[in-house]
C-alpha atoms as a PDB file:
ATOM      1  CA  MET A   1      45.657  75.383   0.239  1.00  0.00           C
ATOM      2  CA  LEU A   2      44.009  74.660   3.583  1.00  0.00           C
ATOM      3  CA  PHE A   3      43.553  71.180   5.074  1.00  0.00           C
ATOM      4  CA  GLU A   4      41.700  71.528   8.368  1.00  0.00           C
ATOM      5  CA  ASP A   5      39.727  69.426  10.880  1.00  0.00           C
ATOM      6  CA  ASN A   6      40.528  66.036   9.339  1.00  0.00           C
ATOM      7  CA  VAL A   7      40.764  62.519  10.745  1.00  0.00           C
ATOM      8  CA  VAL A   8      43.405  60.331   9.051  1.00  0.00           C
ATOM      9  CA  PHE A   9      43.763  56.544   9.583  1.00  0.00           C
ATOM     10  CA  ASN A  10      46.053  55.253   6.856  1.00  0.00           C
ATOM     11  CA  GLY A  11      49.320  53.795   8.236  1.00  0.00           C
ATOM     12  CA  ASP A  12      51.299  56.173   6.035  1.00  0.00           C
ATOM     13  CA  ASP A  13      51.826  59.925   5.836  1.00  0.00           C
ATOM     14  CA  CYS A  14      49.096  62.218   7.097  1.00  0.00           C
ATOM     15  CA  LEU A  15      50.367  64.766   4.587  1.00  0.00           C
ATOM     16  CA  THR A  16      52.894  64.453   1.749  1.00  0.00           C
ATOM     17  CA  ILE A  17      54.228  67.500  -0.053  1.00  0.00           C
ATOM     18  CA  ASN A  18      56.214  67.376  -3.272  1.00  0.00           C
ATOM     19  CA  SER A  19      57.796  70.143  -5.311  1.00  0.00           C
ATOM     20  CA  PRO A  20      56.449  72.568  -6.416  1.00  0.00           C
ATOM     21  CA  ALA A  21      54.229  73.541  -3.469  1.00  0.00           C
ATOM     22  CA  ARG A  22      53.411  76.834  -1.757  1.00  0.00           C
ATOM     23  CA  ASN A  23      51.079  78.070   0.972  1.00  0.00           C
ATOM     24  CA  ILE A  24      50.079  74.703   2.449  1.00  0.00           C
ATOM     25  CA  HIS A  25      48.256  74.922   5.800  1.00  0.00           C
ATOM     26  CA  PHE A  26      47.534  71.624   7.560  1.00  0.00           C
ATOM     27  CA  ARG A  27      45.995  72.021  10.993  1.00  0.00           C
ATOM     28  CA  ASN A  28      43.602  70.691  13.640  1.00  0.00           C
ATOM     29  CA  THR A  29      43.935  67.121  12.425  1.00  0.00           C
ATOM     30  CA  TYR A  30      43.870  63.738  14.146  1.00  0.00           C
ATOM     31  CA  CYS A  31      46.518  61.436  12.576  1.00  0.00           C
ATOM     32  CA  ASN A  32      46.576  57.754  13.573  1.00  0.00           C
ATOM     33  CA  GLY A  33      49.226  55.180  12.612  1.00  0.00           C
ATOM     34  CA  GLY A  34      51.196  57.280  10.191  1.00  0.00           C
ATOM     35  CA  HIS A  35      54.482  59.084   9.721  1.00  0.00           C
ATOM     36  CA  GLY A  36      53.093  62.587  10.165  1.00  0.00           C
ATOM     37  CA  LEU A  37      54.510  64.865   7.500  1.00  0.00           C
ATOM     38  CA  SER A  38      56.703  63.964   4.519  1.00  0.00           C
ATOM     39  CA  ILE A  39      58.272  66.494   2.238  1.00  0.00           C
ATOM     40  CA  GLY A  40      59.655  64.160  -0.367  1.00  0.00           C
ATOM     41  CA  SER A  41      61.419  63.847  -3.685  1.00  0.00           C
ATOM     42  CA  LEU A  42      63.014  67.250  -3.197  1.00  0.00           C
ATOM     43  CA  GLY A  43      66.007  67.782  -5.424  1.00  0.00           C
ATOM     44  CA  LYS A  44      65.498  64.389  -7.070  1.00  0.00           C
ATOM     45  CA  GLY A  45      67.797  63.942 -10.036  1.00  0.00           C
ATOM     46  CA  GLY A  46      69.581  67.201  -9.243  1.00  0.00           C
ATOM     47  CA  ASP A  47      66.437  69.316  -9.721  1.00  0.00           C
ATOM     48  CA  VAL A  48      65.966  72.429  -7.635  1.00  0.00           C
ATOM     49  CA  ALA A  49      63.161  71.898  -5.111  1.00  0.00           C
ATOM     50  CA  ASP A  50      60.469  74.542  -4.738  1.00  0.00           C
ATOM     51  CA  VAL A  51      58.509  74.223  -1.476  1.00  0.00           C
ATOM     52  CA  ALA A  52      57.673  77.259   0.661  1.00  0.00           C
ATOM     53  CA  ASP A  53      55.260  78.489   3.329  1.00  0.00           C
ATOM     54  CA  VAL A  54      54.195  75.195   4.897  1.00  0.00           C
ATOM     55  CA  LEU A  55      52.296  75.366   8.210  1.00  0.00           C
ATOM     56  CA  TYR A  56      51.829  71.989   9.944  1.00  0.00           C
ATOM     57  CA  VAL A  57      49.908  72.018  13.236  1.00  0.00           C
ATOM     58  CA  VAL A  58      48.461  68.703  14.389  1.00  0.00           C
ATOM     59  CA  HIS A  59      46.607  68.486  17.665  1.00  0.00           C
ATOM     60  CA  VAL A  60      46.687  64.676  17.951  1.00  0.00           C
ATOM     61  CA  LEU A  61      49.336  62.306  16.520  1.00  0.00           C
ATOM     62  CA  VAL A  62      48.784  58.662  17.618  1.00  0.00           C
ATOM     63  CA  GLY A  63      50.896  55.604  16.769  1.00  0.00           C
ATOM     64  CA  TYR A  64      53.569  57.739  15.135  1.00  0.00           C
ATOM     65  CA  ARG A  65      56.345  55.833  13.313  1.00  0.00           C
ATOM     66  CA  HIS A  66      59.454  57.227  11.637  1.00  0.00           C
END
């Protein structure tokens, strides 16, 4: 899945990925006021997480909080 040339103003994650997920490409994006990338709930409750092939390239990250 390709996410490209976006502008995100949300005060939270610019992109959140949960299991299962594969072939995620997130690039050329302006993120303002967020956390950037979250890969969350992996292995929750002892489950085996399944996330692979994630490409995260952001040209502008403003007001980043972690």
